[in-house]
Amino acid sequence: MKKTSLITQLKNDFPASVVVFFVALPLCLGVALASGAPLFSGVIAGIVGGILVGALSGSKIGVSGPAAGLAAIVLSAISTLGGFENFLVAVVLAGIFQIVLGFLKAGVIGYYFPSSVIKGMLTAIGIIIVLKQIPHFFGYDTDYQGDLTFMEADGENTFTAIFNTVNHIRPGSALIGIIGLAVLIFWDKVLSKKGRFFQLVQGPLVAVVLGIVFYILTKDNATLAITANHLVQVPVSEDLQAFLGVFTKPNFGAIMNSEIWIVAFTIALVASLETLLSVEATDKLDPAKNVTPTNRELFAQGAGNIVSGMIGGLPITQVIVRSSANIQSGGSSKFSTIMHGMLLLLCVLIIPTVLNMIPLSVLAAVLLVVGYKLAQPATFLKMYKLGRKQFVPFMITVLGIVFTDLLVGIGMGLFAGIIVILFKSYKNSHFLHKEGEDIDDGVIKMALAEEVTFFNKGAILMELENLPDDSKLILDVRNTVYLDHDIVEILDDFTVKAKERNISIKLVSETGEFLNLESYLEFFEGNRAYKSG
């Protein structure tokens, strides 16, 4: 397998970690605000999610931290459990439950969500990011910056907030937001291709620095001045002792309260599901097509929640917004995730007053770019061309998430996907026959059944991952009539890993034998002998 030097990784990962840091900081604070928790609890969760979970996780590009999807649960739990210290006990217990789920190998659940639903989730989150950041971009900051729900806490919804922005435009915020967005686009489309310097120094860092300079130069200007409620607001500690004083310990004296155990189990289930969905989504975005070990991920998340709860942090999940920003910024290993956590720790400890000079509109510009890349119009056209069996669950997932929330939308898309499969009358459980692994000739034969659907993708993915390096795979699809698009994508993605691991693949089909196809998607979608979709 091809090795990447430490120097090369750092060149890619440090700039990416800076971008993730600037994306994560306001989201950590916003989720804490929405959760009714101390602001610093969100930052603690971000630090633990970056450093500890990043180190323990098997994911190379996933980023963990406090999640907006848990905000409603946290807000309710703090009230019903009698305070934040009692709630922290539930966070610690939730982490223990997640470790148990990892040992029980519950991570396989993530593989049972069809590709159309995962792509719908990514697209929907991109749309939500764009819609939610428009008000912040123009200086209308009544809602917290990390909110992803359609109905907002102040009684507005995603669309009414955009309409009301017209009457609340802040000239200073809007101007530096526009400048920041222009810098980001120009940096990405033009300067990044001009030299190594422009690849090492990322556009978001330049935009943030310009935002700070703009704030300093205009703070006495009656028209362009940006007030504190339109800036990042990191808690400022006067010294190290005061900084250590913001960490809160859980009240284990309340551990016998049955409500704490119920909340803990709820957090463990929801956080684990969100994490597994994010893992599936980030693996699809990963250019290297790495496969994250999901059971190890549950263990890492559990350990992170135990530590976060012990020192006063919010519950943690892997988060798609931060993970996608990491991928888009060139992050290629877990160094990026770990360094973003270290940056959070160092900056809130050493330069919190500088962070508090960053206009929220500049960070909104960064997120607008992230959101657009997740929800490009070409994605809708591509899914439409794949046929109704892919497009219908995709669109239901997108609309469900945009107009409700993440888990409800995912559930709607999954239900639609199941209906499609039931409509196909899928009843074949013998989807894969494997032989040759016990013979010392390096040749392994796999024969797919008559019908293979996304229900089978977890098993097939694991079989491919377990192939020895330098081996030869004979993939027999002569008896296959229906091959789900998800399975074709797995085969297509595996070609990248196969080249790195020197695995040759011979496809045996009704139309002939093909060695090391460049694109399985083109072969199966263009071959009338097979049905996919």
Protein backbone atom coordinates (compact mmCIF):
# COMPACT_ATOMS: atom_id res chain seq x y z
CA MET A 1 0.00 0.00 0.00
CA LYS A 2 1.27 3.44 -0.87
CA LYS A 3 2.70 5.34 2.11
CA THR A 4 2.32 9.08 2.67
CA SER A 5 5.15 10.88 4.46
CA LEU A 6 4.49 12.74 7.70
CA ILE A 7 5.63 16.01 6.12
CA THR A 8 3.18 15.60 3.22
CA GLN A 9 0.34 14.79 5.62
CA LEU A 10 1.06 17.85 7.74
CA LYS A 11 1.14 20.08 4.64
CA ASN A 12 -2.37 18.91 3.81
CA ASP A 13 -3.76 18.52 7.31
CA PHE A 14 -2.63 21.67 9.09
CA PRO A 15 -4.38 24.08 6.68
CA ALA A 16 -7.46 21.85 6.82
CA SER A 17 -7.38 21.85 10.63
CA VAL A 18 -7.41 25.67 10.63
CA VAL A 19 -10.51 25.71 8.43
CA VAL A 20 -12.24 23.11 10.61
CA PHE A 21 -11.32 25.14 13.68
CA PHE A 22 -13.02 28.26 12.32
CA VAL A 23 -16.09 26.23 11.33
CA ALA A 24 -16.23 24.36 14.65
CA LEU A 25 -15.78 27.29 17.03
CA PRO A 26 -19.10 29.10 16.42
CA LEU A 27 -20.93 25.76 16.12
CA CYS A 28 -19.61 24.62 19.50
CA LEU A 29 -20.78 27.87 21.09
CA GLY A 30 -24.10 27.85 19.23
CA VAL A 31 -24.99 24.28 20.21
CA ALA A 32 -24.19 25.05 23.85
CA LEU A 33 -26.40 28.14 23.71
CA ALA A 34 -29.28 26.19 22.17
CA SER A 35 -28.83 23.43 24.75
CA GLY A 36 -29.22 25.78 27.70
CA ALA A 37 -25.74 24.78 28.85
CA PRO A 38 -22.71 26.90 29.78
CA LEU A 39 -21.08 28.22 26.61
CA PHE A 40 -17.75 26.68 27.49
CA SER A 41 -19.31 23.20 27.65
CA GLY A 42 -19.63 23.28 23.86
CA VAL A 43 -15.96 24.20 23.47
CA ILE A 44 -14.96 21.39 25.86
CA ALA A 45 -16.89 18.92 23.74
CA GLY A 46 -15.16 20.25 20.62
CA ILE A 47 -11.72 19.88 22.22
CA VAL A 48 -12.40 16.33 23.43
CA GLY A 49 -14.02 15.40 20.10
CA GLY A 50 -10.98 16.66 18.24
CA ILE A 51 -8.10 15.39 20.36
CA LEU A 52 -9.38 12.26 22.12
CA VAL A 53 -12.00 10.94 19.70
CA GLY A 54 -9.79 11.91 16.76
CA ALA A 55 -6.93 9.85 18.22
CA LEU A 56 -9.06 6.79 19.08
CA SER A 57 -11.23 6.76 15.96
CA GLY A 58 -10.41 4.68 12.91
CA SER A 59 -11.72 7.45 10.65
CA LYS A 60 -9.09 9.49 8.82
CA ILE A 61 -11.32 12.44 7.98
CA GLY A 62 -14.29 12.41 10.38
CA VAL A 63 -14.53 15.26 12.91
CA SER A 64 -16.44 14.95 16.20
CA GLY A 65 -17.92 17.54 18.53
CA PRO A 66 -21.22 18.74 20.01
CA ALA A 67 -24.14 18.13 17.63
CA ALA A 68 -27.17 20.30 16.98
CA GLY A 69 -29.29 17.15 16.75
CA LEU A 70 -28.87 16.58 20.49
CA ALA A 71 -29.63 20.17 21.56
CA ALA A 72 -33.35 19.57 22.26
CA ILE A 73 -32.58 16.45 24.32
CA VAL A 74 -29.91 18.28 26.32
CA LEU A 75 -32.12 21.34 26.92
CA SER A 76 -34.95 19.19 28.27
CA ALA A 77 -32.64 16.93 30.30
CA ILE A 78 -30.86 19.76 32.12
CA SER A 79 -34.25 21.00 33.33
CA THR A 80 -35.79 17.63 34.25
CA LEU A 81 -32.67 16.22 35.92
CA GLY A 82 -32.26 19.18 38.27
CA GLY A 83 -29.22 20.93 36.86
CA PHE A 84 -26.19 20.69 34.61
CA GLU A 85 -24.08 18.68 37.08
CA ASN A 86 -26.72 15.93 37.19
CA PHE A 87 -26.95 15.98 33.41
CA LEU A 88 -23.20 15.37 33.14
CA VAL A 89 -23.71 12.04 34.91
CA ALA A 90 -26.01 11.03 32.04
CA VAL A 91 -23.32 12.01 29.52
CA VAL A 92 -20.76 9.77 31.25
CA LEU A 93 -23.23 6.85 31.36
CA ALA A 94 -24.10 7.42 27.70
CA GLY A 95 -20.41 7.01 26.87
CA ILE A 96 -20.33 3.70 28.75
CA PHE A 97 -23.42 2.52 26.83
CA GLN A 98 -21.71 3.41 23.53
CA ILE A 99 -18.62 1.38 24.43
CA VAL A 100 -20.92 -1.58 25.17
CA LEU A 101 -22.62 -1.07 21.78
CA GLY A 102 -19.18 -1.16 20.16
CA PHE A 103 -18.33 -4.47 21.86
CA LEU A 104 -21.70 -5.83 20.73
CA LYS A 105 -20.72 -4.87 17.16
CA ALA A 106 -23.73 -2.59 16.72
CA GLY A 107 -21.76 -0.45 14.26
CA VAL A 108 -23.06 -2.58 11.39
CA ILE A 109 -26.35 -0.65 11.63
CA GLY A 110 -24.87 2.16 9.55
CA TYR A 111 -24.48 -0.10 6.52
CA TYR A 112 -28.23 -0.67 6.28
CA PHE A 113 -28.97 2.84 5.04
CA PRO A 114 -29.16 3.02 1.24
CA SER A 115 -26.81 5.24 -0.74
CA SER A 116 -29.69 7.42 -1.97
CA VAL A 117 -30.61 8.27 1.63
CA ILE A 118 -27.02 9.07 2.62
CA LYS A 119 -26.61 11.32 -0.44
CA GLY A 120 -29.93 12.93 0.41
CA MET A 121 -28.67 13.60 3.92
CA LEU A 122 -25.50 15.28 2.63
CA THR A 123 -27.45 17.37 0.12
CA ALA A 124 -30.09 18.38 2.69
CA ILE A 125 -27.47 19.46 5.20
CA GLY A 126 -25.79 21.51 2.49
CA ILE A 127 -29.10 23.22 1.67
CA ILE A 128 -29.80 23.88 5.35
CA ILE A 129 -26.33 25.36 5.88
CA VAL A 130 -26.82 27.76 2.97
CA LEU A 131 -30.33 28.78 4.06
CA LYS A 132 -29.38 29.16 7.73
CA GLN A 133 -26.25 31.22 7.03
CA ILE A 134 -27.95 33.82 4.82
CA PRO A 135 -29.26 35.81 7.84
CA HIS A 136 -25.86 35.66 9.58
CA PHE A 137 -24.15 36.70 6.36
CA PHE A 138 -26.08 39.99 6.46
CA GLY A 139 -25.81 40.49 10.23
CA TYR A 140 -29.19 39.11 11.39
CA ASP A 141 -27.98 36.98 14.31
CA THR A 142 -31.09 36.27 16.38
CA ASP A 143 -30.71 32.50 15.86
CA TYR A 144 -27.55 30.68 16.92
CA GLN A 145 -25.12 29.84 14.13
CA GLY A 146 -25.17 26.06 14.53
CA ASP A 147 -28.96 25.62 14.29
CA LEU A 148 -30.05 23.06 11.68
CA THR A 149 -33.74 22.68 12.57
CA PHE A 150 -36.57 24.14 10.47
CA MET A 151 -38.48 25.60 13.44
CA GLU A 152 -36.26 28.01 15.38
CA ALA A 153 -36.37 28.69 19.11
CA ASP A 154 -37.48 32.32 18.62
CA GLY A 155 -40.67 31.26 16.78
CA GLU A 156 -39.31 31.86 13.29
CA ASN A 157 -38.51 29.15 10.76
CA THR A 158 -35.77 28.85 8.18
CA PHE A 159 -37.63 30.81 5.51
CA THR A 160 -39.20 33.54 7.65
CA ALA A 161 -35.76 34.28 9.08
CA ILE A 162 -34.46 34.85 5.54
CA PHE A 163 -37.40 37.12 4.69
CA ASN A 164 -36.94 39.12 7.91
CA THR A 165 -33.24 39.58 7.16
CA VAL A 166 -34.18 42.29 4.64
CA ASN A 167 -35.26 44.54 7.53
CA HIS A 168 -32.23 43.78 9.72
CA ILE A 169 -29.20 44.11 7.45
CA ARG A 170 -26.11 45.36 9.28
CA PRO A 171 -23.93 47.30 6.78
CA GLY A 172 -20.62 46.36 8.42
CA SER A 173 -21.43 42.67 8.74
CA ALA A 174 -22.81 42.49 5.20
CA LEU A 175 -19.80 44.28 3.69
CA ILE A 176 -17.14 42.11 5.33
CA GLY A 177 -19.29 39.04 4.62
CA ILE A 178 -19.31 39.88 0.91
CA ILE A 179 -15.57 40.59 0.93
CA GLY A 180 -14.92 37.31 2.76
CA LEU A 181 -17.05 35.32 0.31
CA ALA A 182 -15.28 36.92 -2.65
CA VAL A 183 -11.90 36.02 -1.15
CA LEU A 184 -13.00 32.42 -0.59
CA ILE A 185 -14.26 31.98 -4.15
CA PHE A 186 -11.24 33.71 -5.75
CA TRP A 187 -8.83 31.73 -3.55
CA ASP A 188 -10.51 28.42 -4.40
CA LYS A 189 -11.01 28.97 -8.13
CA VAL A 190 -7.91 30.98 -9.05
CA LEU A 191 -5.17 31.42 -6.45
CA SER A 192 -5.11 27.80 -5.21
CA LYS A 193 -3.90 26.82 -8.69
CA LYS A 194 -1.14 29.43 -8.79
CA GLY A 195 1.35 27.99 -6.31
CA ARG A 196 2.08 25.98 -3.17
CA PHE A 197 1.74 29.05 -0.92
CA PHE A 198 -1.90 29.50 -1.85
CA GLN A 199 -2.53 25.81 -1.18
CA LEU A 200 -0.81 25.93 2.20
CA VAL A 201 -2.54 29.14 3.35
CA GLN A 202 -6.26 28.49 3.05
CA GLY A 203 -8.83 31.07 1.92
CA PRO A 204 -10.91 30.82 5.14
CA LEU A 205 -7.88 31.87 7.23
CA VAL A 206 -7.35 34.92 5.00
CA ALA A 207 -11.06 35.79 5.20
CA VAL A 208 -11.04 35.56 8.99
CA VAL A 209 -7.93 37.74 9.29
CA LEU A 210 -9.55 40.32 7.02
CA GLY A 211 -12.65 40.16 9.22
CA ILE A 212 -10.61 40.92 12.35
CA VAL A 213 -8.79 43.80 10.61
CA PHE A 214 -12.12 45.18 9.36
CA TYR A 215 -13.57 45.06 12.90
CA ILE A 216 -10.57 46.93 14.35
CA LEU A 217 -10.57 49.61 11.64
CA THR A 218 -14.33 50.26 11.75
CA LYS A 219 -15.17 49.87 15.45
CA ASP A 220 -15.52 53.64 15.85
CA ASN A 221 -17.46 54.10 12.60
CA ALA A 222 -21.14 54.84 13.20
CA THR A 223 -22.25 52.98 10.06
CA LEU A 224 -19.83 50.05 9.66
CA ALA A 225 -19.03 49.20 13.29
CA ILE A 226 -19.82 45.59 14.24
CA THR A 227 -21.17 45.24 17.77
CA ALA A 228 -20.39 42.37 20.17
CA ASN A 229 -23.63 40.46 19.47
CA HIS A 230 -22.51 40.09 15.83
CA LEU A 231 -19.08 38.71 16.74
CA VAL A 232 -17.82 35.38 18.04
CA GLN A 233 -18.30 35.29 21.82
CA VAL A 234 -15.80 32.98 23.50
CA PRO A 235 -15.76 33.05 27.33
CA VAL A 236 -12.65 34.96 28.47
CA SER A 237 -10.71 33.81 31.56
CA GLU A 238 -8.34 36.26 33.28
CA ASP A 239 -5.74 33.60 34.17
CA LEU A 240 -5.10 29.85 34.20
CA GLN A 241 -6.84 29.40 37.54
CA ALA A 242 -9.97 31.11 36.24
CA PHE A 243 -9.77 28.98 33.08
CA LEU A 244 -9.64 25.77 35.10
CA GLY A 245 -12.60 27.01 37.12
CA VAL A 246 -14.96 26.79 34.13
CA PHE A 247 -14.71 22.99 34.09
CA THR A 248 -17.70 21.40 35.83
CA LYS A 249 -17.71 18.01 37.57
CA PRO A 250 -20.68 15.63 37.38
CA ASN A 251 -22.74 15.06 40.51
CA PHE A 252 -22.42 11.28 40.93
CA GLY A 253 -24.52 11.53 44.07
CA ALA A 254 -27.55 11.58 41.74
CA ILE A 255 -26.57 8.41 39.84
CA MET A 256 -29.42 6.38 41.38
CA ASN A 257 -31.98 8.70 39.77
CA SER A 258 -33.75 6.50 37.18
CA GLU A 259 -34.40 9.52 34.93
CA ILE A 260 -30.63 10.00 34.52
CA TRP A 261 -30.30 6.44 33.19
CA ILE A 262 -33.18 6.98 30.76
CA VAL A 263 -31.59 10.19 29.44
CA ALA A 264 -28.21 8.44 29.20
CA PHE A 265 -29.65 5.61 27.14
CA THR A 266 -31.48 8.10 24.89
CA ILE A 267 -28.29 10.12 24.29
CA ALA A 268 -26.31 6.93 23.59
CA LEU A 269 -28.81 5.74 20.97
CA VAL A 270 -29.27 9.10 19.21
CA ALA A 271 -25.57 10.01 19.32
CA SER A 272 -24.58 6.56 18.02
CA LEU A 273 -27.06 6.71 15.17
CA GLU A 274 -25.98 10.22 14.15
CA THR A 275 -22.35 9.12 14.30
CA LEU A 276 -22.93 6.03 12.15
CA LEU A 277 -24.84 8.07 9.58
CA SER A 278 -22.06 10.65 9.52
CA VAL A 279 -19.45 7.89 9.13
CA GLU A 280 -21.32 6.49 6.13
CA ALA A 281 -21.61 9.98 4.61
CA THR A 282 -17.97 11.02 5.17
CA ASP A 283 -16.70 7.74 3.74
CA LYS A 284 -18.69 8.54 0.58
CA LEU A 285 -17.10 12.01 0.39
CA ASP A 286 -13.58 10.72 1.09
CA PRO A 287 -11.51 10.89 -2.14
CA ALA A 288 -9.36 7.98 -0.92
CA LYS A 289 -12.49 5.85 -0.29
CA ASN A 290 -11.33 4.71 3.15
CA VAL A 291 -13.76 2.55 5.12
CA THR A 292 -14.18 3.55 8.76
CA PRO A 293 -14.42 0.65 11.26
CA THR A 294 -17.80 1.45 12.80
CA ASN A 295 -17.49 -0.59 15.99
CA ARG A 296 -14.20 1.14 16.79
CA GLU A 297 -15.95 4.45 16.09
CA LEU A 298 -18.61 3.66 18.71
CA PHE A 299 -15.85 2.85 21.19
CA ALA A 300 -14.07 6.15 20.40
CA GLN A 301 -17.29 8.15 20.73
CA GLY A 302 -18.07 6.42 24.02
CA ALA A 303 -14.64 7.22 25.44
CA GLY A 304 -15.05 10.81 24.28
CA ASN A 305 -18.43 11.17 25.99
CA ILE A 306 -17.08 9.73 29.24
CA VAL A 307 -14.24 12.28 29.31
CA SER A 308 -16.45 15.15 28.09
CA GLY A 309 -19.02 14.43 30.80
CA MET A 310 -16.32 14.16 33.47
CA ILE A 311 -14.98 17.69 32.79
CA GLY A 312 -18.20 19.54 31.98
CA GLY A 313 -18.66 19.06 28.24
CA LEU A 314 -21.71 18.38 26.08
CA PRO A 315 -22.30 14.95 24.48
CA ILE A 316 -20.30 14.26 21.32
CA THR A 317 -21.05 12.75 17.92
CA GLN A 318 -19.23 12.70 14.60
CA VAL A 319 -20.56 15.76 12.76
CA ILE A 320 -21.01 15.99 9.00
CA VAL A 321 -20.63 19.80 8.74
CA ARG A 322 -17.15 19.76 10.27
CA SER A 323 -16.19 16.51 8.54
CA SER A 324 -17.16 17.81 5.10
CA ALA A 325 -15.25 21.06 5.73
CA ASN A 326 -12.23 18.92 6.61
CA ILE A 327 -12.50 16.89 3.39
CA GLN A 328 -13.07 19.94 1.18
CA SER A 329 -10.02 21.65 2.71
CA GLY A 330 -7.71 18.75 1.87
CA GLY A 331 -7.62 16.90 5.20
CA SER A 332 -6.33 13.39 4.57
CA SER A 333 -5.51 11.90 7.97
CA LYS A 334 -6.59 12.13 11.59
CA PHE A 335 -3.87 14.74 12.21
CA SER A 336 -6.30 17.35 10.92
CA THR A 337 -9.00 16.38 13.42
CA ILE A 338 -6.57 16.22 16.34
CA MET A 339 -4.93 19.55 15.46
CA HIS A 340 -8.31 21.31 15.18
CA GLY A 341 -8.98 20.18 18.78
CA MET A 342 -5.60 21.49 19.89
CA LEU A 343 -6.28 24.80 18.17
CA LEU A 344 -9.59 25.10 20.03
CA LEU A 345 -7.78 24.47 23.32
CA LEU A 346 -4.88 26.83 22.65
CA CYS A 347 -6.96 29.66 21.28
CA VAL A 348 -9.57 29.77 24.04
CA LEU A 349 -6.72 29.63 26.55
CA ILE A 350 -4.29 32.08 24.96
CA ILE A 351 -6.14 34.44 22.55
CA PRO A 352 -9.87 34.45 23.38
CA THR A 353 -10.04 38.24 22.98
CA VAL A 354 -8.73 37.95 19.40
CA LEU A 355 -11.32 35.27 18.61
CA ASN A 356 -13.99 37.63 19.88
CA MET A 357 -13.09 40.07 17.10
CA ILE A 358 -14.20 37.64 14.35
CA PRO A 359 -17.46 38.78 12.67
CA LEU A 360 -20.08 36.03 12.45
CA SER A 361 -20.78 37.10 8.87
CA VAL A 362 -17.28 36.01 7.82
CA LEU A 363 -17.80 32.58 9.35
CA ALA A 364 -21.17 32.49 7.59
CA ALA A 365 -19.33 33.05 4.29
CA VAL A 366 -17.08 30.05 5.05
CA LEU A 367 -20.13 27.89 5.78
CA LEU A 368 -21.91 29.09 2.63
CA VAL A 369 -19.07 27.64 0.57
CA VAL A 370 -19.18 24.38 2.56
CA GLY A 371 -22.94 24.15 2.11
CA TYR A 372 -22.83 24.80 -1.63
CA LYS A 373 -20.24 22.08 -2.17
CA LEU A 374 -22.47 19.61 -0.34
CA ALA A 375 -25.60 20.55 -2.30
CA GLN A 376 -24.48 21.35 -5.82
CA PRO A 377 -27.29 21.42 -8.43
CA ALA A 378 -25.47 18.74 -10.42
CA THR A 379 -26.22 16.27 -7.62
CA PHE A 380 -29.97 16.51 -8.26
CA LEU A 381 -29.48 15.92 -11.99
CA LYS A 382 -27.21 12.94 -11.35
CA MET A 383 -29.68 11.32 -8.96
CA TYR A 384 -32.54 11.94 -11.38
CA LYS A 385 -30.64 10.17 -14.17
CA LEU A 386 -30.18 7.13 -11.92
CA GLY A 387 -33.94 6.50 -12.03
CA ARG A 388 -36.90 6.67 -9.68
CA LYS A 389 -35.59 3.95 -7.37
CA GLN A 390 -32.71 6.25 -6.43
CA PHE A 391 -34.29 9.66 -6.97
CA VAL A 392 -37.48 9.19 -4.91
CA PRO A 393 -35.76 8.15 -1.62
CA PHE A 394 -33.14 10.85 -2.26
CA MET A 395 -35.73 13.63 -2.61
CA ILE A 396 -37.84 12.40 0.30
CA THR A 397 -34.74 12.45 2.49
CA VAL A 398 -33.79 15.96 1.34
CA LEU A 399 -37.27 17.41 1.92
CA GLY A 400 -37.72 15.52 5.18
CA ILE A 401 -34.48 16.84 6.69
CA VAL A 402 -34.94 20.40 5.43
CA PHE A 403 -38.50 20.71 6.78
CA THR A 404 -38.17 18.61 9.99
CA ASP A 405 -34.84 17.44 11.37
CA LEU A 406 -32.02 15.02 10.60
CA LEU A 407 -33.33 11.80 12.14
CA VAL A 408 -36.94 12.27 10.99
CA GLY A 409 -35.78 12.97 7.42
CA ILE A 410 -33.46 9.98 7.45
CA GLY A 411 -36.32 7.80 8.70
CA MET A 412 -38.58 9.03 5.90
CA GLY A 413 -35.93 8.31 3.28
CA LEU A 414 -35.20 4.87 4.70
CA PHE A 415 -38.91 4.02 4.71
CA ALA A 416 -39.13 5.06 1.05
CA GLY A 417 -36.11 2.90 0.25
CA ILE A 418 -37.66 -0.12 1.97
CA ILE A 419 -40.90 0.37 0.04
CA VAL A 420 -38.90 0.33 -3.20
CA ILE A 421 -37.25 -2.93 -2.19
CA LEU A 422 -40.54 -4.52 -1.14
CA PHE A 423 -41.99 -3.44 -4.47
CA LYS A 424 -39.19 -5.40 -6.13
CA SER A 425 -40.28 -8.47 -4.08
CA TYR A 426 -36.83 -9.08 -2.75
CA LYS A 427 -36.63 -12.46 -1.01
CA ASN A 428 -33.20 -13.80 -1.89
CA SER A 429 -30.97 -14.14 1.17
CA HIS A 430 -28.20 -16.08 -0.61
CA PHE A 431 -26.56 -13.10 -2.23
CA LEU A 432 -22.89 -14.08 -2.15
CA HIS A 433 -20.98 -17.31 -2.68
CA LYS A 434 -17.28 -17.17 -1.85
CA GLU A 435 -14.57 -19.74 -2.44
CA GLY A 436 -10.82 -20.05 -2.79
CA GLU A 437 -9.76 -18.20 0.37
CA ASP A 438 -8.32 -21.41 1.89
CA ILE A 439 -6.22 -22.20 -1.20
CA ASP A 440 -2.72 -20.77 -1.29
CA ASP A 441 -2.78 -19.41 -4.86
CA GLY A 442 -3.92 -15.86 -4.14
CA VAL A 443 -7.13 -16.31 -6.16
CA ILE A 444 -10.49 -15.69 -4.49
CA LYS A 445 -13.77 -16.23 -6.29
CA MET A 446 -17.00 -14.40 -5.44
CA ALA A 447 -20.29 -15.13 -7.17
CA LEU A 448 -23.22 -12.76 -6.69
CA ALA A 449 -26.79 -14.02 -6.55
CA GLU A 450 -29.71 -13.25 -8.86
CA GLU A 451 -30.74 -10.17 -6.85
CA VAL A 452 -28.41 -8.12 -4.65
CA THR A 453 -29.67 -4.97 -2.84
CA PHE A 454 -28.40 -2.36 -0.39
CA PHE A 455 -29.32 -4.72 2.47
CA ASN A 456 -26.27 -6.72 1.43
CA LYS A 457 -23.79 -3.89 1.06
CA GLY A 458 -22.35 -4.18 4.60
CA ALA A 459 -21.39 -7.82 4.11
CA ILE A 460 -19.99 -7.27 0.60
CA LEU A 461 -18.03 -4.22 1.75
CA MET A 462 -16.46 -6.21 4.58
CA GLU A 463 -15.59 -9.11 2.26
CA LEU A 464 -13.80 -6.72 -0.09
CA GLU A 465 -11.97 -5.00 2.77
CA ASN A 466 -10.78 -8.40 4.07
CA LEU A 467 -9.20 -9.41 0.75
CA PRO A 468 -5.44 -9.94 1.18
CA ASP A 469 -3.06 -7.51 -0.48
CA ASP A 470 -1.57 -8.72 -3.80
CA SER A 471 -4.47 -11.13 -4.32
CA LYS A 472 -6.63 -11.82 -7.39
CA LEU A 473 -10.41 -11.52 -7.21
CA ILE A 474 -12.71 -13.21 -9.71
CA LEU A 475 -16.13 -11.56 -9.44
CA ASP A 476 -18.82 -13.67 -11.13
CA VAL A 477 -22.08 -11.86 -11.97
CA ARG A 478 -23.32 -14.23 -14.67
CA ASN A 479 -26.34 -15.25 -12.57
CA THR A 480 -27.11 -11.71 -11.42
CA VAL A 481 -30.21 -10.03 -12.83
CA TYR A 482 -30.67 -7.13 -10.39
CA LEU A 483 -27.66 -5.37 -8.88
CA ASP A 484 -28.54 -2.43 -6.63
CA HIS A 485 -26.83 0.88 -7.42
CA ASP A 486 -25.36 0.87 -3.88
CA ILE A 487 -23.48 -2.36 -4.62
CA VAL A 488 -22.19 -0.99 -7.93
CA GLU A 489 -20.91 2.08 -6.07
CA ILE A 490 -19.09 -0.14 -3.56
CA LEU A 491 -17.37 -1.96 -6.41
CA ASP A 492 -16.54 1.34 -8.11
CA ASP A 493 -15.11 2.82 -4.90
CA PHE A 494 -13.11 -0.32 -4.20
CA THR A 495 -11.16 0.07 -7.44
CA VAL A 496 -9.22 2.92 -5.77
CA LYS A 497 -8.26 0.76 -2.80
CA ALA A 498 -7.57 -2.25 -5.05
CA LYS A 499 -4.91 -0.33 -6.98
CA GLU A 500 -3.22 0.77 -3.75
CA ARG A 501 -3.25 -2.81 -2.41
CA ASN A 502 -2.24 -4.44 -5.73
CA ILE A 503 -5.47 -6.44 -5.96
CA SER A 504 -6.51 -7.37 -9.49
CA ILE A 505 -10.22 -7.82 -10.23
CA LYS A 506 -11.56 -9.94 -13.06
CA LEU A 507 -15.26 -9.41 -13.73
CA VAL A 508 -16.96 -12.43 -15.26
CA SER A 509 -20.27 -11.45 -16.86
CA GLU A 510 -22.75 -12.60 -19.46
CA THR A 511 -21.12 -10.26 -21.96
CA GLY A 512 -17.53 -11.37 -21.34
CA GLU A 513 -14.60 -11.13 -18.96
CA PHE A 514 -13.06 -7.80 -17.99
CA LEU A 515 -9.84 -7.21 -16.05
CA ASN A 516 -9.54 -4.19 -13.73
CA LEU A 517 -12.43 -2.11 -15.03
CA GLU A 518 -11.96 1.63 -14.59
CA SER A 519 -15.65 2.25 -13.86
CA TYR A 520 -18.17 -0.32 -12.66
CA LEU A 521 -20.82 2.40 -12.72
CA GLU A 522 -20.42 2.86 -16.47
CA PHE A 523 -20.34 -0.90 -17.10
CA PHE A 524 -23.48 -1.87 -15.20
CA GLU A 525 -25.55 1.20 -16.04
CA GLY A 526 -24.71 0.85 -19.73
CA ASN A 527 -25.24 -2.91 -19.90
CA ARG A 528 -28.78 -4.00 -20.70
CA ALA A 529 -28.14 -7.47 -19.27
CA TYR A 530 -28.23 -5.97 -15.78
CA LYS A 531 -30.78 -3.89 -13.94
CA SER A 532 -29.58 -1.35 -11.40
CA GLY A 533 -31.11 1.66 -9.76
